[in-house]
Amino acid sequence: MAAIAWRKSSRSTNNGGACVELGSAWGAVVVRDSKDPDGPKLLVARRAFAALLSDLKR
């Protein structure tokens, strides 16, 4: 996962708040905590992630 280009959420701040970073790998979305870049990562199918975002926007 070292080659993943991570992007920090636009809702994240630099003052130690809850920060989420997203990446793309193996046709899926990878999610990690920016404060713990070597910690666990969540791998989610693109279709499932799109459905999650759609539900959250409601």
N, C-alpha and C. Protein backbone atom coordinates (compact mmCIF):
# COMPACT_ATOMS: atom_id res chain seq x y z
N MET A 1 0.82 -1.20 0.00
CA MET A 1 0.00 0.00 0.00
C MET A 1 0.86 1.26 0.00
N ALA A 2 2.15 1.11 -0.11
CA ALA A 2 3.03 2.27 -0.10
C ALA A 2 2.84 3.16 -1.32
N ALA A 3 2.37 2.60 -2.43
CA ALA A 3 2.24 3.36 -3.67
C ALA A 3 0.92 4.12 -3.77
N ILE A 4 0.07 4.03 -2.79
CA ILE A 4 -1.23 4.71 -2.83
C ILE A 4 -1.04 6.20 -2.64
N ALA A 5 -1.69 6.99 -3.49
CA ALA A 5 -1.70 8.45 -3.35
C ALA A 5 -2.88 8.80 -2.44
N TRP A 6 -2.59 9.23 -1.22
CA TRP A 6 -3.64 9.52 -0.24
C TRP A 6 -4.11 10.96 -0.38
N ARG A 7 -5.41 11.17 -0.16
CA ARG A 7 -6.01 12.51 -0.17
C ARG A 7 -6.75 12.70 1.14
N LYS A 8 -6.48 13.82 1.79
CA LYS A 8 -7.16 14.11 3.05
C LYS A 8 -8.54 14.68 2.76
N SER A 9 -9.49 14.34 3.59
CA SER A 9 -10.85 14.85 3.46
C SER A 9 -10.85 16.38 3.49
N SER A 10 -11.68 16.99 2.69
CA SER A 10 -11.79 18.45 2.69
C SER A 10 -12.41 18.95 3.99
N ARG A 11 -13.02 18.07 4.77
CA ARG A 11 -13.61 18.44 6.05
C ARG A 11 -12.60 18.37 7.20
N SER A 12 -11.41 17.84 6.92
CA SER A 12 -10.39 17.71 7.96
C SER A 12 -9.70 19.05 8.19
N THR A 13 -9.22 19.24 9.40
CA THR A 13 -8.50 20.46 9.74
C THR A 13 -7.11 20.10 10.22
N ASN A 14 -6.26 21.08 10.38
CA ASN A 14 -4.89 20.84 10.84
C ASN A 14 -4.76 20.97 12.35
N ASN A 15 -5.85 21.11 13.08
CA ASN A 15 -5.77 21.32 14.52
C ASN A 15 -6.03 20.04 15.32
N GLY A 16 -5.75 18.89 14.73
CA GLY A 16 -5.88 17.63 15.47
C GLY A 16 -7.26 17.03 15.47
N GLY A 17 -8.13 17.51 14.61
CA GLY A 17 -9.48 16.96 14.54
C GLY A 17 -9.51 15.60 13.89
N ALA A 18 -10.68 15.07 13.72
CA ALA A 18 -10.85 13.77 13.09
C ALA A 18 -10.48 13.88 11.61
N CYS A 19 -9.41 13.21 11.21
CA CYS A 19 -8.93 13.30 9.83
C CYS A 19 -9.02 11.95 9.15
N VAL A 20 -9.62 11.97 7.98
CA VAL A 20 -9.77 10.76 7.19
C VAL A 20 -9.06 10.99 5.87
N GLU A 21 -8.32 9.98 5.42
CA GLU A 21 -7.68 10.04 4.12
C GLU A 21 -8.21 8.90 3.26
N LEU A 22 -8.34 9.19 1.96
CA LEU A 22 -8.82 8.20 1.01
C LEU A 22 -7.76 7.94 -0.04
N GLY A 23 -7.71 6.72 -0.51
CA GLY A 23 -6.82 6.35 -1.59
C GLY A 23 -7.54 5.37 -2.51
N SER A 24 -6.89 5.03 -3.60
CA SER A 24 -7.48 4.11 -4.55
C SER A 24 -6.49 2.98 -4.81
N ALA A 25 -6.97 1.75 -4.73
CA ALA A 25 -6.12 0.58 -4.98
C ALA A 25 -6.99 -0.61 -5.33
N TRP A 26 -6.52 -1.41 -6.26
CA TRP A 26 -7.17 -2.67 -6.61
C TRP A 26 -8.65 -2.48 -6.95
N GLY A 27 -9.00 -1.36 -7.58
CA GLY A 27 -10.39 -1.12 -7.95
C GLY A 27 -11.30 -0.83 -6.78
N ALA A 28 -10.71 -0.41 -5.67
CA ALA A 28 -11.49 -0.14 -4.46
C ALA A 28 -11.04 1.18 -3.85
N VAL A 29 -11.76 1.63 -2.84
CA VAL A 29 -11.41 2.82 -2.07
C VAL A 29 -10.79 2.34 -0.76
N VAL A 30 -9.67 2.95 -0.41
CA VAL A 30 -8.97 2.61 0.83
C VAL A 30 -9.10 3.81 1.77
N VAL A 31 -9.46 3.54 3.03
CA VAL A 31 -9.69 4.60 4.01
C VAL A 31 -8.73 4.39 5.18
N ARG A 32 -8.12 5.48 5.66
CA ARG A 32 -7.25 5.39 6.82
C ARG A 32 -7.37 6.65 7.66
N ASP A 33 -6.89 6.56 8.89
CA ASP A 33 -6.83 7.69 9.82
C ASP A 33 -5.50 8.40 9.56
N SER A 34 -5.55 9.68 9.20
CA SER A 34 -4.32 10.40 8.86
C SER A 34 -3.37 10.54 10.04
N LYS A 35 -3.90 10.44 11.26
CA LYS A 35 -3.04 10.54 12.44
C LYS A 35 -2.29 9.24 12.71
N ASP A 36 -2.68 8.16 12.02
CA ASP A 36 -2.05 6.85 12.20
C ASP A 36 -1.86 6.21 10.82
N PRO A 37 -0.98 6.79 9.98
CA PRO A 37 -0.85 6.32 8.60
C PRO A 37 -0.37 4.87 8.47
N ASP A 38 0.30 4.35 9.49
CA ASP A 38 0.76 2.96 9.45
C ASP A 38 -0.23 2.01 10.11
N GLY A 39 -1.32 2.55 10.61
CA GLY A 39 -2.34 1.74 11.29
C GLY A 39 -3.23 1.02 10.31
N PRO A 40 -4.34 0.49 10.80
CA PRO A 40 -5.25 -0.29 9.95
C PRO A 40 -5.89 0.56 8.85
N LYS A 41 -6.22 -0.10 7.78
CA LYS A 41 -6.88 0.54 6.65
C LYS A 41 -8.13 -0.25 6.31
N LEU A 42 -9.12 0.45 5.80
CA LEU A 42 -10.38 -0.17 5.42
C LEU A 42 -10.46 -0.16 3.90
N LEU A 43 -10.63 -1.32 3.30
CA LEU A 43 -10.73 -1.47 1.86
C LEU A 43 -12.21 -1.70 1.52
N VAL A 44 -12.79 -0.82 0.69
CA VAL A 44 -14.21 -0.86 0.37
C VAL A 44 -14.38 -0.87 -1.14
N ALA A 45 -15.22 -1.75 -1.64
CA ALA A 45 -15.52 -1.77 -3.08
C ALA A 45 -16.07 -0.41 -3.51
N ARG A 46 -15.68 0.02 -4.70
CA ARG A 46 -16.11 1.36 -5.18
C ARG A 46 -17.63 1.51 -5.17
N ARG A 47 -18.33 0.50 -5.61
CA ARG A 47 -19.80 0.57 -5.67
C ARG A 47 -20.38 0.73 -4.26
N ALA A 48 -19.84 -0.01 -3.30
CA ALA A 48 -20.31 0.09 -1.91
C ALA A 48 -19.98 1.45 -1.33
N PHE A 49 -18.81 2.00 -1.65
CA PHE A 49 -18.44 3.32 -1.14
C PHE A 49 -19.34 4.40 -1.73
N ALA A 50 -19.63 4.28 -3.01
CA ALA A 50 -20.55 5.23 -3.66
C ALA A 50 -21.92 5.18 -3.02
N ALA A 51 -22.40 3.97 -2.68
CA ALA A 51 -23.70 3.83 -2.03
C ALA A 51 -23.67 4.46 -0.64
N LEU A 52 -22.57 4.26 0.08
CA LEU A 52 -22.42 4.87 1.41
C LEU A 52 -22.49 6.39 1.30
N LEU A 53 -21.75 6.97 0.39
CA LEU A 53 -21.77 8.43 0.23
C LEU A 53 -23.16 8.93 -0.15
N SER A 54 -23.84 8.19 -1.02
CA SER A 54 -25.19 8.58 -1.42
C SER A 54 -26.13 8.58 -0.21
N ASP A 55 -26.02 7.56 0.62
CA ASP A 55 -26.87 7.47 1.82
C ASP A 55 -26.53 8.59 2.79
N LEU A 56 -25.26 8.92 2.94
CA LEU A 56 -24.86 9.97 3.88
C LEU A 56 -25.35 11.36 3.43
N LYS A 57 -25.50 11.56 2.13
CA LYS A 57 -25.94 12.86 1.61
C LYS A 57 -27.42 13.09 1.81
N ARG A 58 -28.18 12.04 2.14
CA ARG A 58 -29.63 12.19 2.31
C ARG A 58 -29.97 12.88 3.59
